[in-house]
Amino acid sequence: MKKPKIVIVMPAYNAAKTIQKTIKEIPKNFTKHILVIDDHSTDNTVKVAKKLGLAVFRHPQNLGYGGNQKTCYWEALKLKPDVVVMLHPDYQYDASLLPDLVGPIVSGRYDFMFGSRVRTRSEALKGGMPKHKYLFNRLYTLLANLVLGVNFTEHMSGLRAYSTKTLKKVPFQRFSNDFIFDQQFTLSANAHNLRVGEIAIPTRYYEDSSSIQLLSGLKFGMQSLMWLGIYTLRQLGLARSKIFS
């Protein structure tokens, strides 16, 4: 069998202090294809990434978290990969576990994998996850599992891997440019009957890591619940949405 082509994409915004530490954790056999998409950072993210020898694409203006990911996947698909990994360059996710993350996709068992930071409550809190984020994470996960008919331990992880089939089937270009992008992706993947799996990963929150601000966090929380409602209405035949078609 030919060696699978793994492309790692990094949606970056003001990650100058953490991107080098993130890169150092990536296994050597995964470092051949790394794309950094900079969403018009105000720090030296681009300079640091280029110094590390990474391929860098910089938005001329800030598009938002979802808008950044759209560029990530368009550029990754140009390389004709077998698997695309989305890894935040803020050092919140343990990149040494990428082989475990992509393995089920390479073997053909899953189409979409993510890393769960909530194996246990104590591990999540000891890892620095703020209590209010943990509580909302638990609430959303409970509701999302009921709505989607799954039993995941988390739905809000930023460590994800997709098969090329997934990126071609899910209409991610129709999703929001905001933080709700990841939730829309999961809902759409489920609507398209794609196989989704998870692995356990450590919870890591650091002072230099990125964090959603209060108002943006409240907006994200409301949108997350709203889209669960839209998905439910769609399942009942009472609503339609372009992200599911």
Foldseek 3Di string as FASTA:
>chain_A
DDDFFEAEEEADAQLLPQLVVQVVQAPPVRPPHYEYEYQPHPDCPVVSCVVVVHHYHYDPHHLEQLVSVVVRVVVVVVVVGFKYKYDYRQPQFRNNCVCVFCVCSVVPNFFKEFEDAPPDPVQQVVQPDDPVNVVLQQVLQVLVCVLLVHRDRGQQGRIMMGGPVLVVPFPSVPDGRYSCSSLLSVLLCSLVVGGYYYDYTGGHDDPSGDDDDDVSVVVSSVVSVVVSVQSNCVVVVNHDDPRND
